[in-house]
Amino acid sequence: MGKLVIISGPSGSGKTTVCKLLEKDPLVKKSISVTTRLPRHSEKNGKAYHFVSTNEFKEMIRKGELAEHAEYCGSYYGTPINALREALAKEIVYLLEIEVQGALQIMEKFPEAISIFLLPPDKKTLGQRLMQRNTNKEQDMELRLKIADKELEYRDRYNYCVVNDDLELTVNTIRKILDLA
């Protein structure tokens, strides 16, 4: 039986980078979420996300095709349930890089899931990381920082909190948590 692992944290906490490094292990596979947001310049459909219209997303909800779904910064995100079930049937670590709303839904439906909340070292670093992305307009960045404050209130609901100050140390800590070290 596989392991279901939730990786959450505020925008800019390093979730995507950490997941990419964890995925270098052949036993680790990352879920590909569905979203209604527009792709960033480097994103390809089916790699980072499955990009769909709002109507397609709502139809997926209606048909029960999503294990969780949430609205974040004006776009919808969700995890396809069939891919999740297939992954759990295998001997792999299945990463769900999802925001807090979706993570809480997964924790309720799959109490065996290992949940990890990724924290930035401090709020200033979080703001700098969002600025370095250079993909966020100032208004969007302010919204993400406000949402980050709310998300931080839920960190105690997770099995583990890991501060992402040193990327190598962060990845190694998570590998130990998952018995991959």
Protein backbone atom coordinates (compact mmCIF):
# COMPACT_ATOMS: atom_id res chain seq x y z
CA MET A 1 0.00 0.00 0.00
CA GLY A 2 1.27 3.46 -0.89
CA LYS A 3 1.69 6.50 1.33
CA LEU A 4 -0.37 9.61 0.81
CA VAL A 5 1.61 12.74 1.72
CA ILE A 6 0.19 16.25 1.88
CA ILE A 7 2.63 19.13 1.42
CA SER A 8 1.04 22.49 2.23
CA GLY A 9 2.20 25.94 3.14
CA PRO A 10 1.76 29.53 2.12
CA SER A 11 2.47 30.61 -1.43
CA GLY A 12 6.23 31.16 -1.58
CA SER A 13 7.09 28.62 1.14
CA GLY A 14 8.88 26.41 -1.41
CA LYS A 15 6.34 23.61 -1.86
CA THR A 16 6.99 23.13 -5.60
CA THR A 17 10.78 23.16 -5.26
CA VAL A 18 10.71 20.73 -2.33
CA CYS A 19 8.34 18.38 -4.17
CA LYS A 20 10.53 18.43 -7.30
CA LEU A 21 13.54 17.40 -5.23
CA LEU A 22 11.57 14.68 -3.42
CA GLU A 23 10.38 13.37 -6.80
CA LYS A 24 13.95 12.50 -7.75
CA ASP A 25 13.41 9.38 -5.66
CA PRO A 26 11.85 6.66 -7.87
CA LEU A 27 9.46 5.75 -5.03
CA VAL A 28 7.96 9.27 -5.02
CA LYS A 29 5.33 10.54 -7.43
CA LYS A 30 3.57 13.90 -7.33
CA SER A 31 -0.11 14.31 -7.99
CA ILE A 32 -1.01 16.58 -10.88
CA SER A 33 -3.79 18.89 -9.75
CA VAL A 34 -6.53 20.32 -11.91
CA THR A 35 -6.87 24.11 -12.00
CA THR A 36 -8.80 26.85 -13.72
CA ARG A 37 -5.97 29.36 -13.44
CA LEU A 38 -3.97 30.33 -16.51
CA PRO A 39 -0.60 28.60 -16.95
CA ARG A 40 2.54 30.52 -16.04
CA HIS A 41 5.04 30.98 -18.88
CA SER A 42 7.01 27.80 -18.12
CA GLU A 43 4.06 25.51 -17.31
CA LYS A 44 2.82 22.85 -19.69
CA ASN A 45 -0.60 21.21 -19.48
CA GLY A 46 -0.39 17.80 -17.83
CA LYS A 47 3.00 18.49 -16.19
CA ALA A 48 2.50 21.03 -13.40
CA TYR A 49 -1.29 21.05 -13.68
CA HIS A 50 -4.17 19.95 -15.83
CA PHE A 51 -5.57 23.31 -16.98
CA VAL A 52 -9.35 23.34 -17.50
CA SER A 53 -12.16 25.85 -17.84
CA THR A 54 -14.36 26.76 -14.88
CA ASN A 55 -17.25 24.86 -16.47
CA GLU A 56 -15.11 21.73 -16.90
CA PHE A 57 -13.99 22.01 -13.28
CA LYS A 58 -17.56 22.34 -11.99
CA GLU A 59 -18.54 19.31 -14.05
CA MET A 60 -15.70 17.31 -12.42
CA ILE A 61 -17.08 18.30 -9.00
CA ARG A 62 -20.61 17.31 -10.04
CA LYS A 63 -19.39 13.90 -11.25
CA GLY A 64 -17.42 13.27 -8.02
CA GLU A 65 -14.10 13.11 -9.89
CA LEU A 66 -12.16 15.19 -7.33
CA ALA A 67 -10.89 13.99 -3.93
CA GLU A 68 -10.76 17.63 -2.83
CA HIS A 69 -11.26 21.02 -4.36
CA ALA A 70 -10.93 24.61 -3.30
CA GLU A 71 -10.89 28.16 -4.56
CA TYR A 72 -7.62 30.08 -4.13
CA CYS A 73 -6.90 33.63 -5.34
CA GLY A 74 -9.85 33.51 -7.74
CA SER A 75 -9.07 30.14 -9.35
CA TYR A 76 -10.20 26.61 -8.58
CA TYR A 77 -7.84 23.74 -7.74
CA GLY A 78 -8.54 20.06 -7.16
CA THR A 79 -7.06 16.57 -6.93
CA PRO A 80 -8.35 13.87 -9.31
CA ILE A 81 -9.61 10.99 -7.16
CA ASN A 82 -8.84 8.19 -9.65
CA ALA A 83 -5.13 9.07 -9.81
CA LEU A 84 -5.03 9.17 -6.01
CA ARG A 85 -6.65 5.72 -5.69
CA GLU A 86 -4.28 4.24 -8.29
CA ALA A 87 -1.26 5.68 -6.46
CA LEU A 88 -2.39 4.28 -3.10
CA ALA A 89 -2.70 0.82 -4.65
CA LYS A 90 1.02 0.95 -5.54
CA GLU A 91 4.04 0.92 -3.22
CA ILE A 92 4.87 4.59 -3.75
CA VAL A 93 4.86 7.85 -1.85
CA TYR A 94 2.19 10.01 -3.49
CA LEU A 95 2.70 13.75 -2.91
CA LEU A 96 -0.22 16.14 -2.88
CA GLU A 97 1.06 19.70 -3.11
CA ILE A 98 -2.13 21.45 -2.06
CA GLU A 99 -3.33 24.47 -0.15
CA VAL A 100 -4.89 24.32 3.31
CA GLN A 101 -8.57 24.08 2.29
CA GLY A 102 -7.88 21.03 0.12
CA ALA A 103 -5.48 19.53 2.66
CA LEU A 104 -8.15 19.59 5.38
CA GLN A 105 -10.57 17.78 3.04
CA ILE A 106 -7.95 15.11 2.28
CA MET A 107 -7.10 14.70 5.99
CA GLU A 108 -10.78 14.08 6.72
CA LYS A 109 -11.25 11.55 3.88
CA PHE A 110 -7.84 9.90 4.29
CA PRO A 111 -6.86 10.07 7.99
CA GLU A 112 -3.81 7.89 7.27
CA ALA A 113 -2.32 10.68 5.14
CA ILE A 114 0.95 12.17 6.36
CA SER A 115 0.55 15.94 6.45
CA ILE A 116 3.49 18.34 6.32
CA PHE A 117 3.16 22.10 6.61
CA LEU A 118 6.06 23.96 5.02
CA LEU A 119 6.90 27.23 6.71
CA PRO A 120 9.02 30.11 5.46
CA PRO A 121 11.69 31.25 7.94
CA ASP A 122 9.75 34.52 8.42
CA LYS A 123 7.24 36.81 6.71
CA LYS A 124 9.96 39.01 5.17
CA THR A 125 11.52 35.98 3.43
CA LEU A 126 8.08 34.92 2.20
CA GLY A 127 7.54 38.36 0.62
CA GLN A 128 11.00 38.25 -0.99
CA ARG A 129 10.33 34.81 -2.48
CA LEU A 130 7.06 36.00 -3.97
CA MET A 131 8.83 39.05 -5.45
CA GLN A 132 11.62 36.87 -6.92
CA ARG A 133 9.02 34.77 -8.72
CA ASN A 134 8.31 37.85 -10.81
CA THR A 135 4.98 36.34 -11.83
CA ASN A 136 2.85 38.04 -9.20
CA LYS A 137 1.45 41.52 -9.63
CA GLU A 138 1.66 43.67 -6.49
CA GLN A 139 -2.09 43.30 -5.86
CA ASP A 140 -1.84 39.50 -6.23
CA MET A 141 1.16 39.44 -3.90
CA GLU A 142 -0.72 41.36 -1.20
CA LEU A 143 -3.60 38.89 -1.48
CA ARG A 144 -1.20 35.92 -1.21
CA LEU A 145 0.39 37.42 1.92
CA LYS A 146 -3.05 37.92 3.51
CA ILE A 147 -3.98 34.34 2.67
CA ALA A 148 -0.64 33.18 4.09
CA ASP A 149 -1.55 34.72 7.46
CA LYS A 150 -4.81 32.74 7.48
CA GLU A 151 -3.10 29.52 6.34
CA LEU A 152 -0.53 29.77 9.14
CA GLU A 153 -3.40 29.48 11.65
CA TYR A 154 -3.93 25.87 10.48
CA ARG A 155 -0.36 24.61 10.84
CA ASP A 156 -1.21 22.83 14.11
CA ARG A 157 -3.65 20.59 12.20
CA TYR A 158 -0.71 18.98 10.34
CA ASN A 159 1.37 16.03 11.55
CA TYR A 160 4.61 17.94 10.92
CA CYS A 161 5.76 21.54 10.45
CA VAL A 162 9.07 22.04 8.64
CA VAL A 163 10.76 25.43 8.28
CA ASN A 164 12.16 25.80 4.77
CA ASP A 165 15.20 27.94 5.50
CA ASP A 166 17.85 25.60 4.06
CA LEU A 167 16.51 23.67 1.06
CA GLU A 168 18.78 20.63 1.42
CA LEU A 169 18.04 20.33 5.14
CA THR A 170 14.31 20.74 4.48
CA VAL A 171 14.25 17.97 1.86
CA ASN A 172 16.34 15.66 4.06
CA THR A 173 14.02 16.28 7.03
CA ILE A 174 10.98 15.36 4.93
CA ARG A 175 12.77 12.31 3.52
CA LYS A 176 13.34 11.13 7.12
CA ILE A 177 9.69 11.75 8.00
CA LEU A 178 8.70 9.58 5.00
CA ASP A 179 11.28 6.84 5.75
CA LEU A 180 13.08 7.56 2.49
CA ALA A 181 16.42 8.54 4.05
